């Protein structure tokens, strides 16, 4: 219902963007992913609290809401040399890849990848 009823306003838009976020993730379309995360961030997070992991986790949860229809989402799962912030395990298509999401503030993507690689 959330994705089919425009009268729900912001909730409708968030549900639609969430579906776009999953598709952009699967397509590796980082520009669209960035735009959606910025939209959710700018509408949900108070200005003075925009770069801590708790707030970023809430943003990802909202932006990836529709992924829960086809993925089991686990938080702080053991992965590689640390813990992944999110792992999306496919439930409806067992041949699909898992999605691992590591949130970093002030680090590089390479740092996040290194954390997930088993040594």
PDB file of N, CA and C in Angstrom:
ATOM      1  N   UNK A   1       0.814  -1.180   0.000  1.00  0.00           N
ATOM      2  CA  UNK A   1       0.000   0.000   0.000  1.00  0.00           C
ATOM      3  C   UNK A   1       0.868   1.257   0.000  1.00  0.00           C
ATOM      4  N   UNK A   2       1.976   1.223   0.756  1.00  0.00           N
ATOM      5  CA  UNK A   2       2.820   2.410   0.840  1.00  0.00           C
ATOM      6  C   UNK A   2       3.347   2.832  -0.527  1.00  0.00           C
ATOM      7  N   UNK A   3       3.589   1.855  -1.409  1.00  0.00           N
ATOM      8  CA  UNK A   3       4.143   2.182  -2.716  1.00  0.00           C
ATOM      9  C   UNK A   3       3.078   2.496  -3.765  1.00  0.00           C
ATOM     10  N   UNK A   4       1.793   2.353  -3.417  1.00  0.00           N
ATOM     11  CA  UNK A   4       0.750   2.568  -4.410  1.00  0.00           C
ATOM     12  C   UNK A   4      -0.195   3.717  -4.086  1.00  0.00           C
ATOM     13  N   UNK A   5      -0.036   4.336  -2.949  1.00  0.00           N
ATOM     14  CA  UNK A   5      -0.975   5.380  -2.519  1.00  0.00           C
ATOM     15  C   UNK A   5      -0.278   6.740  -2.357  1.00  0.00           C
ATOM     16  N   UNK A   6      -0.234   7.551  -3.412  1.00  0.00           N
ATOM     17  CA  UNK A   6       0.438   8.850  -3.341  1.00  0.00           C
ATOM     18  C   UNK A   6      -0.085   9.778  -2.252  1.00  0.00           C
ATOM     19  N   UNK A   7      -1.342   9.587  -1.805  1.00  0.00           N
ATOM     20  CA  UNK A   7      -1.882  10.469  -0.766  1.00  0.00           C
ATOM     21  C   UNK A   7      -1.134  10.329   0.555  1.00  0.00           C
ATOM     22  N   UNK A   8      -0.303   9.301   0.684  1.00  0.00           N
ATOM     23  CA  UNK A   8       0.482   9.133   1.911  1.00  0.00           C
ATOM     24  C   UNK A   8       1.682  10.081   1.955  1.00  0.00           C
ATOM     25  N   UNK A   9       1.886  10.859   0.912  1.00  0.00           N
ATOM     26  CA  UNK A   9       2.910  11.906   0.907  1.00  0.00           C
ATOM     27  C   UNK A   9       4.329  11.385   1.073  1.00  0.00           C
ATOM     28  N   UNK A  10       4.991  11.887   2.107  1.00  0.00           N
ATOM     29  CA  UNK A  10       6.404  11.556   2.324  1.00  0.00           C
ATOM     30  C   UNK A  10       6.614  10.056   2.492  1.00  0.00           C
ATOM     31  N   UNK A  11       5.729   9.373   3.177  1.00  0.00           N
ATOM     32  CA  UNK A  11       5.869   7.928   3.381  1.00  0.00           C
ATOM     33  C   UNK A  11       5.820   7.209   2.037  1.00  0.00           C
ATOM     34  N   UNK A  12       4.928   7.640   1.153  1.00  0.00           N
ATOM     35  CA  UNK A  12       4.834   7.088  -0.198  1.00  0.00           C
ATOM     36  C   UNK A  12       6.157   7.309  -0.945  1.00  0.00           C
ATOM     37  N   UNK A  13       6.663   8.540  -0.879  1.00  0.00           N
ATOM     38  CA  UNK A  13       7.917   8.848  -1.585  1.00  0.00           C
ATOM     39  C   UNK A  13       9.072   8.021  -1.024  1.00  0.00           C
ATOM     40  N   UNK A  14       9.132   7.875   0.284  1.00  0.00           N
ATOM     41  CA  UNK A  14      10.187   7.083   0.906  1.00  0.00           C
ATOM     42  C   UNK A  14      10.110   5.620   0.461  1.00  0.00           C
ATOM     43  N   UNK A  15       8.908   5.062   0.414  1.00  0.00           N
ATOM     44  CA  UNK A  15       8.740   3.680  -0.031  1.00  0.00           C
ATOM     45  C   UNK A  15       9.185   3.523  -1.483  1.00  0.00           C
ATOM     46  N   UNK A  16       8.832   4.474  -2.343  1.00  0.00           N
ATOM     47  CA  UNK A  16       9.252   4.423  -3.744  1.00  0.00           C
ATOM     48  C   UNK A  16      10.769   4.549  -3.873  1.00  0.00           C
ATOM     49  N   UNK A  17      11.351   5.493  -3.139  1.00  0.00           N
ATOM     50  CA  UNK A  17      12.804   5.685  -3.193  1.00  0.00           C
ATOM     51  C   UNK A  17      13.532   4.444  -2.669  1.00  0.00           C
ATOM     52  N   UNK A  18      12.930   3.788  -1.688  1.00  0.00           N
ATOM     53  CA  UNK A  18      13.522   2.580  -1.140  1.00  0.00           C
ATOM     54  C   UNK A  18      13.629   1.487  -2.207  1.00  0.00           C
ATOM     55  N   UNK A  19      12.600   1.347  -3.017  1.00  0.00           N
ATOM     56  CA  UNK A  19      12.662   0.394  -4.124  1.00  0.00           C
ATOM     57  C   UNK A  19      13.733   0.778  -5.129  1.00  0.00           C
ATOM     58  N   UNK A  20      13.852   2.070  -5.395  1.00  0.00           N
ATOM     59  CA  UNK A  20      14.906   2.558  -6.299  1.00  0.00           C
ATOM     60  C   UNK A  20      16.286   2.317  -5.710  1.00  0.00           C
ATOM     61  N   UNK A  21      16.398   2.437  -4.394  1.00  0.00           N
ATOM     62  CA  UNK A  21      17.682   2.215  -3.731  1.00  0.00           C
ATOM     63  C   UNK A  21      18.146   0.774  -3.912  1.00  0.00           C
ATOM     64  N   UNK A  22      17.237  -0.173  -3.724  1.00  0.00           N
ATOM     65  CA  UNK A  22      17.608  -1.574  -3.913  1.00  0.00           C
ATOM     66  C   UNK A  22      18.043  -1.816  -5.351  1.00  0.00           C
ATOM     67  N   UNK A  23      17.283  -1.307  -6.300  1.00  0.00           N
ATOM     68  CA  UNK A  23      17.643  -1.515  -7.706  1.00  0.00           C
ATOM     69  C   UNK A  23      18.978  -0.849  -8.034  1.00  0.00           C
ATOM     70  N   UNK A  24      19.197   0.356  -7.534  1.00  0.00           N
ATOM     71  CA  UNK A  24      20.474   1.041  -7.775  1.00  0.00           C
ATOM     72  C   UNK A  24      21.629   0.251  -7.164  1.00  0.00           C
ATOM     73  N   UNK A  25      21.407  -0.329  -5.991  1.00  0.00           N
ATOM     74  CA  UNK A  25      22.451  -1.133  -5.347  1.00  0.00           C
ATOM     75  C   UNK A  25      22.776  -2.343  -6.212  1.00  0.00           C
ATOM     76  N   UNK A  26      21.762  -3.051  -6.658  1.00  0.00           N
ATOM     77  CA  UNK A  26      21.982  -4.231  -7.494  1.00  0.00           C
ATOM     78  C   UNK A  26      22.632  -3.863  -8.817  1.00  0.00           C
ATOM     79  N   UNK A  27      22.319  -2.671  -9.335  1.00  0.00           N
ATOM     80  CA  UNK A  27      22.904  -2.196 -10.598  1.00  0.00           C
ATOM     81  C   UNK A  27      24.268  -1.537 -10.403  1.00  0.00           C
ATOM     82  N   UNK A  28      24.707  -1.416  -9.148  1.00  0.00           N
ATOM     83  CA  UNK A  28      25.969  -0.732  -8.809  1.00  0.00           C
ATOM     84  C   UNK A  28      25.961   0.713  -9.289  1.00  0.00           C
ATOM     85  N   UNK A  29      24.795   1.328  -9.212  1.00  0.00           N
ATOM     86  CA  UNK A  29      24.600   2.717  -9.629  1.00  0.00           C
ATOM     87  C   UNK A  29      24.837   3.616  -8.406  1.00  0.00           C
ATOM     88  N   UNK A  30      26.092   3.896  -8.140  1.00  0.00           N
ATOM     89  CA  UNK A  30      26.445   4.624  -6.917  1.00  0.00           C
ATOM     90  C   UNK A  30      25.939   6.064  -6.917  1.00  0.00           C
ATOM     91  N   UNK A  31      25.771   6.661  -8.078  1.00  0.00           N
ATOM     92  CA  UNK A  31      25.266   8.038  -8.130  1.00  0.00           C
ATOM     93  C   UNK A  31      23.820   8.094  -7.635  1.00  0.00           C
ATOM     94  N   UNK A  32      22.987   7.172  -8.094  1.00  0.00           N
ATOM     95  CA  UNK A  32      21.597   7.127  -7.618  1.00  0.00           C
ATOM     96  C   UNK A  32      21.550   6.785  -6.143  1.00  0.00           C
ATOM     97  N   UNK A  33      22.373   5.837  -5.707  1.00  0.00           N
ATOM     98  CA  UNK A  33      22.424   5.473  -4.288  1.00  0.00           C
ATOM     99  C   UNK A  33      22.756   6.697  -3.440  1.00  0.00           C
ATOM    100  N   UNK A  34      23.745   7.460  -3.879  1.00  0.00           N
ATOM    101  CA  UNK A  34      24.154   8.671  -3.158  1.00  0.00           C
ATOM    102  C   UNK A  34      23.002   9.674  -3.078  1.00  0.00           C
ATOM    103  N   UNK A  35      22.306   9.876  -4.186  1.00  0.00           N
ATOM    104  CA  UNK A  35      21.186  10.827  -4.211  1.00  0.00           C
ATOM    105  C   UNK A  35      20.076  10.407  -3.242  1.00  0.00           C
ATOM    106  N   UNK A  36      19.749   9.130  -3.209  1.00  0.00           N
ATOM    107  CA  UNK A  36      18.693   8.647  -2.320  1.00  0.00           C
ATOM    108  C   UNK A  36      19.124   8.773  -0.865  1.00  0.00           C
ATOM    109  N   UNK A  37      20.360   8.391  -0.568  1.00  0.00           N
ATOM    110  CA  UNK A  37      20.855   8.521   0.809  1.00  0.00           C
ATOM    111  C   UNK A  37      20.856   9.986   1.247  1.00  0.00           C
ATOM    112  N   UNK A  38      21.242  10.884   0.347  1.00  0.00           N
ATOM    113  CA  UNK A  38      21.223  12.311   0.681  1.00  0.00           C
ATOM    114  C   UNK A  38      19.806  12.807   0.933  1.00  0.00           C
ATOM    115  N   UNK A  39      18.849  12.348   0.125  1.00  0.00           N
ATOM    116  CA  UNK A  39      17.456  12.743   0.324  1.00  0.00           C
ATOM    117  C   UNK A  39      16.962  12.307   1.703  1.00  0.00           C
ATOM    118  N   UNK A  40      17.176  11.044   2.040  1.00  0.00           N
ATOM    119  CA  UNK A  40      16.723  10.540   3.338  1.00  0.00           C
ATOM    120  C   UNK A  40      17.466  11.253   4.459  1.00  0.00           C
ATOM    121  N   UNK A  41      18.758  11.424   4.298  1.00  0.00           N
ATOM    122  CA  UNK A  41      19.559  12.120   5.305  1.00  0.00           C
ATOM    123  C   UNK A  41      19.030  13.523   5.550  1.00  0.00           C
ATOM    124  N   UNK A  42      18.826  14.260   4.460  1.00  0.00           N
ATOM    125  CA  UNK A  42      18.423  15.660   4.577  1.00  0.00           C
ATOM    126  C   UNK A  42      17.024  15.828   5.165  1.00  0.00           C
ATOM    127  N   UNK A  43      16.169  14.821   5.024  1.00  0.00           N
ATOM    128  CA  UNK A  43      14.816  14.930   5.564  1.00  0.00           C
ATOM    129  C   UNK A  43      14.653  14.294   6.932  1.00  0.00           C
ATOM    130  N   UNK A  44      15.618  13.482   7.361  1.00  0.00           N
ATOM    131  CA  UNK A  44      15.446  12.730   8.603  1.00  0.00           C
ATOM    132  C   UNK A  44      16.401  13.100   9.733  1.00  0.00           C
ATOM    133  N   UNK A  45      17.568  13.612   9.424  1.00  0.00           N
ATOM    134  CA  UNK A  45      18.590  13.795  10.449  1.00  0.00           C
ATOM    135  C   UNK A  45      18.712  15.265  10.838  1.00  0.00           C
ATOM    136  N   UNK A  46      18.660  15.547  12.134  1.00  0.00           N
ATOM    137  CA  UNK A  46      18.900  16.925  12.576  1.00  0.00           C
ATOM    138  C   UNK A  46      20.270  17.413  12.106  1.00  0.00           C
ATOM    139  N   UNK A  47      20.341  18.672  11.788  1.00  0.00           N
ATOM    140  CA  UNK A  47      21.548  19.262  11.213  1.00  0.00           C
ATOM    141  C   UNK A  47      22.802  19.018  12.043  1.00  0.00           C
ATOM    142  N   UNK A  48      22.717  19.056  13.337  1.00  0.00           N
ATOM    143  CA  UNK A  48      23.903  18.950  14.182  1.00  0.00           C
ATOM    144  C   UNK A  48      24.335  17.514  14.447  1.00  0.00           C
ATOM    145  N   UNK A  49      23.594  16.524  13.979  1.00  0.00           N
ATOM    146  CA  UNK A  49      23.915  15.138  14.281  1.00  0.00           C
ATOM    147  C   UNK A  49      23.994  14.316  13.008  1.00  0.00           C
ATOM    148  N   UNK A  50      24.685  14.809  12.012  1.00  0.00           N
ATOM    149  CA  UNK A  50      24.585  14.179  10.700  1.00  0.00           C
ATOM    150  C   UNK A  50      25.665  13.158  10.383  1.00  0.00           C
ATOM    151  N   UNK A  51      26.656  12.976  11.208  1.00  0.00           N
ATOM    152  CA  UNK A  51      27.735  12.075  10.818  1.00  0.00           C
ATOM    153  C   UNK A  51      28.157  11.111  11.906  1.00  0.00           C
ATOM    154  N   UNK A  52      27.206  10.527  12.616  1.00  0.00           N
ATOM    155  CA  UNK A  52      27.600   9.454  13.516  1.00  0.00           C
ATOM    156  C   UNK A  52      26.941   8.166  13.048  1.00  0.00           C
ATOM    157  N   UNK A  53      27.479   7.039  13.487  1.00  0.00           N
ATOM    158  CA  UNK A  53      27.047   5.754  12.953  1.00  0.00           C
ATOM    159  C   UNK A  53      25.581   5.457  13.271  1.00  0.00           C
ATOM    160  N   UNK A  54      25.103   5.886  14.418  1.00  0.00           N
ATOM    161  CA  UNK A  54      23.708   5.636  14.770  1.00  0.00           C
ATOM    162  C   UNK A  54      22.770   6.318  13.785  1.00  0.00           C
ATOM    163  N   UNK A  55      23.039   7.569  13.462  1.00  0.00           N
ATOM    164  CA  UNK A  55      22.206   8.293  12.511  1.00  0.00           C
ATOM    165  C   UNK A  55      22.326   7.695  11.108  1.00  0.00           C
ATOM    166  N   UNK A  56      23.532   7.342  10.711  1.00  0.00           N
ATOM    167  CA  UNK A  56      23.725   6.742   9.390  1.00  0.00           C
ATOM    168  C   UNK A  56      23.001   5.402   9.288  1.00  0.00           C
ATOM    169  N   UNK A  57      23.000   4.624  10.372  1.00  0.00           N
ATOM    170  CA  UNK A  57      22.288   3.354  10.391  1.00  0.00           C
ATOM    171  C   UNK A  57      20.793   3.571  10.190  1.00  0.00           C
ATOM    172  N   UNK A  58      20.244   4.573  10.846  1.00  0.00           N
ATOM    173  CA  UNK A  58      18.819   4.879  10.691  1.00  0.00           C
ATOM    174  C   UNK A  58      18.509   5.266   9.244  1.00  0.00           C
ATOM    175  N   UNK A  59      19.385   6.027   8.626  1.00  0.00           N
ATOM    176  CA  UNK A  59      19.193   6.439   7.236  1.00  0.00           C
ATOM    177  C   UNK A  59      19.193   5.226   6.313  1.00  0.00           C
ATOM    178  N   UNK A  60      20.157   4.333   6.519  1.00  0.00           N
ATOM    179  CA  UNK A  60      20.232   3.131   5.688  1.00  0.00           C
ATOM    180  C   UNK A  60      18.980   2.278   5.891  1.00  0.00           C
ATOM    181  N   UNK A  61      18.535   2.134   7.126  1.00  0.00           N
ATOM    182  CA  UNK A  61      17.321   1.356   7.391  1.00  0.00           C
ATOM    183  C   UNK A  61      16.130   1.920   6.620  1.00  0.00           C
ATOM    184  N   UNK A  62      15.984   3.225   6.584  1.00  0.00           N
ATOM    185  CA  UNK A  62      14.883   3.839   5.841  1.00  0.00           C
ATOM    186  C   UNK A  62      15.077   3.718   4.333  1.00  0.00           C
ATOM    187  N   UNK A  63      16.284   4.004   3.871  1.00  0.00           N
ATOM    188  CA  UNK A  63      16.554   3.979   2.430  1.00  0.00           C
ATOM    189  C   UNK A  63      16.454   2.574   1.849  1.00  0.00           C
ATOM    190  N   UNK A  64      16.689   1.567   2.664  1.00  0.00           N
ATOM    191  CA  UNK A  64      16.689   0.178   2.188  1.00  0.00           C
ATOM    192  C   UNK A  64      15.474  -0.605   2.669  1.00  0.00           C
ATOM    193  N   UNK A  65      14.439   0.092   3.043  1.00  0.00           N
ATOM    194  CA  UNK A  65      13.252  -0.542   3.598  1.00  0.00           C
ATOM    195  C   UNK A  65      12.685  -1.642   2.698  1.00  0.00           C
ATOM    196  N   UNK A  66      12.570  -1.388   1.418  1.00  0.00           N
ATOM    197  CA  UNK A  66      11.962  -2.380   0.527  1.00  0.00           C
ATOM    198  C   UNK A  66      12.838  -3.613   0.333  1.00  0.00           C
ATOM    199  N   UNK A  67      14.123  -3.524   0.618  1.00  0.00           N
ATOM    200  CA  UNK A  67      14.989  -4.698   0.503  1.00  0.00           C
ATOM    201  C   UNK A  67      14.532  -5.812   1.440  1.00  0.00           C
ATOM    202  N   UNK A  68      13.855  -5.444   2.513  1.00  0.00           N
ATOM    203  CA  UNK A  68      13.386  -6.440   3.475  1.00  0.00           C
ATOM    204  C   UNK A  68      12.302  -7.347   2.896  1.00  0.00           C
ATOM    205  N   UNK A  69      11.758  -6.991   1.741  1.00  0.00           N
ATOM    206  CA  UNK A  69      10.800  -7.874   1.080  1.00  0.00           C
ATOM    207  C   UNK A  69      11.478  -9.108   0.500  1.00  0.00           C
ATOM    208  N   UNK A  70      12.738  -8.976   0.106  1.00  0.00           N
ATOM    209  CA  UNK A  70      13.432 -10.083  -0.556  1.00  0.00           C
ATOM    210  C   UNK A  70      14.741 -10.487   0.117  1.00  0.00           C
ATOM    211  N   UNK A  71      15.161  -9.714   1.121  1.00  0.00           N
ATOM    212  CA  UNK A  71      16.402 -10.008   1.839  1.00  0.00           C
ATOM    213  C   UNK A  71      16.135 -10.069   3.339  1.00  0.00           C
ATOM    214  N   UNK A  72      16.873 -10.932   4.019  1.00  0.00           N
ATOM    215  CA  UNK A  72      16.904 -10.907   5.486  1.00  0.00           C
ATOM    216  C   UNK A  72      18.057  -9.988   5.851  1.00  0.00           C
ATOM    217  N   UNK A  73      17.778  -8.951   6.600  1.00  0.00           N
ATOM    218  CA  UNK A  73      18.786  -7.942   6.918  1.00  0.00           C
ATOM    219  C   UNK A  73      19.284  -8.187   8.340  1.00  0.00           C
ATOM    220  N   UNK A  74      20.587  -8.385   8.455  1.00  0.00           N
ATOM    221  CA  UNK A  74      21.211  -8.595   9.765  1.00  0.00           C
ATOM    222  C   UNK A  74      22.160  -7.443  10.042  1.00  0.00           C
ATOM    223  N   UNK A  75      22.244  -7.060  11.302  1.00  0.00           N
ATOM    224  CA  UNK A  75      23.108  -5.954  11.728  1.00  0.00           C
ATOM    225  C   UNK A  75      24.277  -6.490  12.536  1.00  0.00           C
ATOM    226  N   UNK A  76      25.427  -5.846  12.374  1.00  0.00           N
ATOM    227  CA  UNK A  76      26.626  -6.148  13.153  1.00  0.00           C
ATOM    228  C   UNK A  76      26.978  -7.632  13.114  1.00  0.00           C
ATOM    229  N   UNK A  77      26.992  -8.177  11.914  1.00  0.00           N
ATOM    230  CA  UNK A  77      27.356  -9.573  11.695  1.00  0.00           C
ATOM    231  C   UNK A  77      28.865  -9.700  11.571  1.00  0.00           C
ATOM    232  N   UNK A  78      29.425 -10.770  12.096  1.00  0.00           N
ATOM    233  CA  UNK A  78      30.852 -11.048  11.969  1.00  0.00           C
ATOM    234  C   UNK A  78      31.169 -11.228  10.487  1.00  0.00           C
ATOM    235  N   UNK A  79      32.164 -10.520  10.021  1.00  0.00           N
ATOM    236  CA  UNK A  79      32.571 -10.605   8.616  1.00  0.00           C
ATOM    237  C   UNK A  79      34.029 -10.211   8.510  1.00  0.00           C
ATOM    238  N   UNK A  80      34.840 -11.103   8.005  1.00  0.00           N
ATOM    239  CA  UNK A  80      36.251 -10.782   7.812  1.00  0.00           C
ATOM    240  C   UNK A  80      36.936 -10.447   9.111  1.00  0.00           C
ATOM    241  N   UNK A  81      37.612  -9.309   9.129  1.00  0.00           N
ATOM    242  CA  UNK A  81      38.399  -8.903  10.291  1.00  0.00           C
ATOM    243  C   UNK A  81      37.571  -8.110  11.303  1.00  0.00           C
ATOM    244  N   UNK A  82      36.291  -7.968  11.071  1.00  0.00           N
ATOM    245  CA  UNK A  82      35.471  -7.163  11.983  1.00  0.00           C
ATOM    246  C   UNK A  82      34.018  -7.546  11.861  1.00  0.00           C
ATOM    247  N   UNK A  83      33.170  -6.559  12.021  1.00  0.00           N
ATOM    248  CA  UNK A  83      31.735  -6.758  11.932  1.00  0.00           C
ATOM    249  C   UNK A  83      31.193  -5.861  10.829  1.00  0.00           C
ATOM    250  N   UNK A  84      30.357  -6.434   9.972  1.00  0.00           N
ATOM    251  CA  UNK A  84      29.709  -5.641   8.926  1.00  0.00           C
ATOM    252  C   UNK A  84      28.510  -4.933   9.532  1.00  0.00           C
ATOM    253  N   UNK A  85      28.322  -3.681   9.188  1.00  0.00           N
ATOM    254  CA  UNK A  85      27.183  -2.938   9.722  1.00  0.00           C
ATOM    255  C   UNK A  85      25.861  -3.551   9.269  1.00  0.00           C
ATOM    256  N   UNK A  86      25.790  -3.950   8.009  1.00  0.00           N
ATOM    257  CA  UNK A  86      24.597  -4.604   7.472  1.00  0.00           C
ATOM    258  C   UNK A  86      25.026  -5.733   6.546  1.00  0.00           C
ATOM    259  N   UNK A  87      24.332  -6.851   6.627  1.00  0.00           N
ATOM    260  CA  UNK A  87      24.439  -7.887   5.598  1.00  0.00           C
ATOM    261  C   UNK A  87      23.020  -8.214   5.156  1.00  0.00           C
ATOM    262  N   UNK A  88      22.808  -8.158   3.862  1.00  0.00           N
ATOM    263  CA  UNK A  88      21.524  -8.486   3.265  1.00  0.00           C
ATOM    264  C   UNK A  88      21.646  -9.886   2.670  1.00  0.00           C
ATOM    265  N   UNK A  89      20.937 -10.845   3.251  1.00  0.00           N
ATOM    266  CA  UNK A  89      20.941 -12.228   2.780  1.00  0.00           C
ATOM    267  C   UNK A  89      19.701 -12.442   1.902  1.00  0.00           C
ATOM    268  N   UNK A  90      19.906 -12.887   0.657  1.00  0.00           N
ATOM    269  CA  UNK A  90      18.744 -13.099  -0.212  1.00  0.00           C
ATOM    270  C   UNK A  90      17.862 -14.219   0.324  1.00  0.00           C
ATOM    271  N   UNK A  91      16.557 -13.962   0.327  1.00  0.00           N
ATOM    272  CA  UNK A  91      15.621 -14.985   0.795  1.00  0.00           C
ATOM    273  C   UNK A  91      14.763 -15.551  -0.326  1.00  0.00           C
ATOM    274  N   UNK A  92      14.439 -14.753  -1.305  1.00  0.00           N
ATOM    275  CA  UNK A  92      13.563 -15.244  -2.368  1.00  0.00           C
ATOM    276  C   UNK A  92      14.347 -15.792  -3.555  1.00  0.00           C
ATOM    277  N   UNK A  93      15.570 -15.354  -3.745  1.00  0.00           N
ATOM    278  CA  UNK A  93      16.417 -15.839  -4.837  1.00  0.00           C
ATOM    279  C   UNK A  93      17.744 -16.273  -4.233  1.00  0.00           C
ATOM    280  N   UNK A  94      17.833 -17.547  -3.906  1.00  0.00           N
ATOM    281  CA  UNK A  94      19.019 -18.056  -3.208  1.00  0.00           C
ATOM    282  C   UNK A  94      20.283 -17.996  -4.050  1.00  0.00           C
ATOM    283  N   UNK A  95      20.149 -17.754  -5.356  1.00  0.00           N
ATOM    284  CA  UNK A  95      21.342 -17.620  -6.196  1.00  0.00           C
ATOM    285  C   UNK A  95      21.860 -16.183  -6.219  1.00  0.00           C
ATOM    286  N   UNK A  96      21.100 -15.266  -5.653  1.00  0.00           N
ATOM    287  CA  UNK A  96      21.510 -13.850  -5.625  1.00  0.00           C
ATOM    288  C   UNK A  96      22.668 -13.667  -4.649  1.00  0.00           C
ATOM    289  N   UNK A  97      23.439 -12.640  -4.880  1.00  0.00           N
ATOM    290  CA  UNK A  97      24.554 -12.315  -3.998  1.00  0.00           C
ATOM    291  C   UNK A  97      24.055 -11.671  -2.713  1.00  0.00           C
ATOM    292  N   UNK A  98      24.817 -11.882  -1.635  1.00  0.00           N
ATOM    293  CA  UNK A  98      24.592 -11.109  -0.410  1.00  0.00           C
ATOM    294  C   UNK A  98      25.087  -9.689  -0.657  1.00  0.00           C
ATOM    295  N   UNK A  99      24.556  -8.768   0.092  1.00  0.00           N
ATOM    296  CA  UNK A  99      25.021  -7.382   0.033  1.00  0.00           C
ATOM    297  C   UNK A  99      25.595  -7.059   1.401  1.00  0.00           C
ATOM    298  N   UNK A 100      26.860  -6.641   1.427  1.00  0.00           N
ATOM    299  CA  UNK A 100      27.503  -6.250   2.677  1.00  0.00           C
ATOM    300  C   UNK A 100      27.667  -4.740   2.652  1.00  0.00           C
ATOM    301  N   UNK A 101      27.213  -4.104   3.721  1.00  0.00           N
ATOM    302  CA  UNK A 101      27.295  -2.647   3.809  1.00  0.00           C
ATOM    303  C   UNK A 101      28.067  -2.278   5.059  1.00  0.00           C
ATOM    304  N   UNK A 102      29.128  -1.536   4.875  1.00  0.00           N
ATOM    305  CA  UNK A 102      29.969  -1.072   5.984  1.00  0.00           C
ATOM    306  C   UNK A 102      29.927   0.451   5.989  1.00  0.00           C
ATOM    307  N   UNK A 103      29.495   1.029   7.082  1.00  0.00           N
ATOM    308  CA  UNK A 103      29.425   2.488   7.210  1.00  0.00           C
ATOM    309  C   UNK A 103      30.755   3.015   7.728  1.00  0.00           C
ATOM    310  N   UNK A 104      31.261   4.029   7.074  1.00  0.00           N
ATOM    311  CA  UNK A 104      32.517   4.658   7.489  1.00  0.00           C
ATOM    312  C   UNK A 104      32.355   6.171   7.416  1.00  0.00           C
ATOM    313  N   UNK A 105      32.875   6.840   8.411  1.00  0.00           N
ATOM    314  CA  UNK A 105      32.944   8.289   8.401  1.00  0.00           C
ATOM    315  C   UNK A 105      34.422   8.643   8.510  1.00  0.00           C
ATOM    316  N   UNK A 106      34.923   9.336   7.513  1.00  0.00           N
ATOM    317  CA  UNK A 106      36.320   9.752   7.541  1.00  0.00           C
ATOM    318  C   UNK A 106      37.303   8.670   7.112  1.00  0.00           C
ATOM    319  N   UNK A 107      36.826   7.555   6.574  1.00  0.00           N
ATOM    320  CA  UNK A 107      37.682   6.502   6.043  1.00  0.00           C
ATOM    321  C   UNK A 107      37.389   6.344   4.556  1.00  0.00           C
ATOM    322  N   UNK A 108      38.224   5.574   3.906  1.00  0.00           N
ATOM    323  CA  UNK A 108      38.060   5.368   2.472  1.00  0.00           C
ATOM    324  C   UNK A 108      37.269   4.083   2.211  1.00  0.00           C
ATOM    325  N   UNK A 109      36.731   3.946   1.006  1.00  0.00           N
ATOM    326  CA  UNK A 109      36.084   2.669   0.654  1.00  0.00           C
ATOM    327  C   UNK A 109      37.056   1.492   0.779  1.00  0.00           C
ATOM    328  N   UNK A 110      38.310   1.740   0.488  1.00  0.00           N
ATOM    329  CA  UNK A 110      39.312   0.671   0.602  1.00  0.00           C
ATOM    330  C   UNK A 110      39.452   0.199   2.054  1.00  0.00           C
ATOM    331  N   UNK A 111      39.350   1.125   3.013  1.00  0.00           N
ATOM    332  CA  UNK A 111      39.385   0.755   4.428  1.00  0.00           C
ATOM    333  C   UNK A 111      38.212  -0.155   4.778  1.00  0.00           C
ATOM    334  N   UNK A 112      37.047   0.173   4.267  1.00  0.00           N
ATOM    335  CA  UNK A 112      35.860  -0.645   4.534  1.00  0.00           C
ATOM    336  C   UNK A 112      36.002  -2.038   3.923  1.00  0.00           C
ATOM    337  N   UNK A 113      36.531  -2.100   2.712  1.00  0.00           N
ATOM    338  CA  UNK A 113      36.739  -3.398   2.056  1.00  0.00           C
ATOM    339  C   UNK A 113      37.754  -4.222   2.811  1.00  0.00           C
ATOM    340  N   UNK A 114      38.862  -3.601   3.212  1.00  0.00           N
ATOM    341  CA  UNK A 114      39.887  -4.328   3.984  1.00  0.00           C
ATOM    342  C   UNK A 114      39.308  -4.922   5.258  1.00  0.00           C
ATOM    343  N   UNK A 115      38.406  -4.210   5.902  1.00  0.00           N
ATOM    344  CA  UNK A 115      37.804  -4.714   7.138  1.00  0.00           C
ATOM    345  C   UNK A 115      37.004  -5.984   6.890  1.00  0.00           C
ATOM    346  N   UNK A 116      36.421  -6.109   5.702  1.00  0.00           N
ATOM    347  CA  UNK A 116      35.556  -7.256   5.415  1.00  0.00           C
ATOM    348  C   UNK A 116      36.300  -8.445   4.825  1.00  0.00           C
ATOM    349  N   UNK A 117      37.540  -8.251   4.422  1.00  0.00           N
ATOM    350  CA  UNK A 117      38.305  -9.329   3.800  1.00  0.00           C
ATOM    351  C   UNK A 117      38.929 -10.202   4.893  1.00  0.00           C
ATOM    352  N   UNK A 118      38.743 -11.505   4.755  1.00  0.00           N
ATOM    353  CA  UNK A 118      39.325 -12.440   5.707  1.00  0.00           C
ATOM    354  C   UNK A 118      40.805 -12.573   5.423  1.00  0.00           C
ATOM    355  N   UNK A 119      41.613 -12.354   6.429  1.00  0.00           N
ATOM    356  CA  UNK A 119      43.066 -12.444   6.249  1.00  0.00           C
ATOM    357  C   UNK A 119      43.535 -13.867   6.387  1.00  0.00           C
TER     358      UNK A 119
END
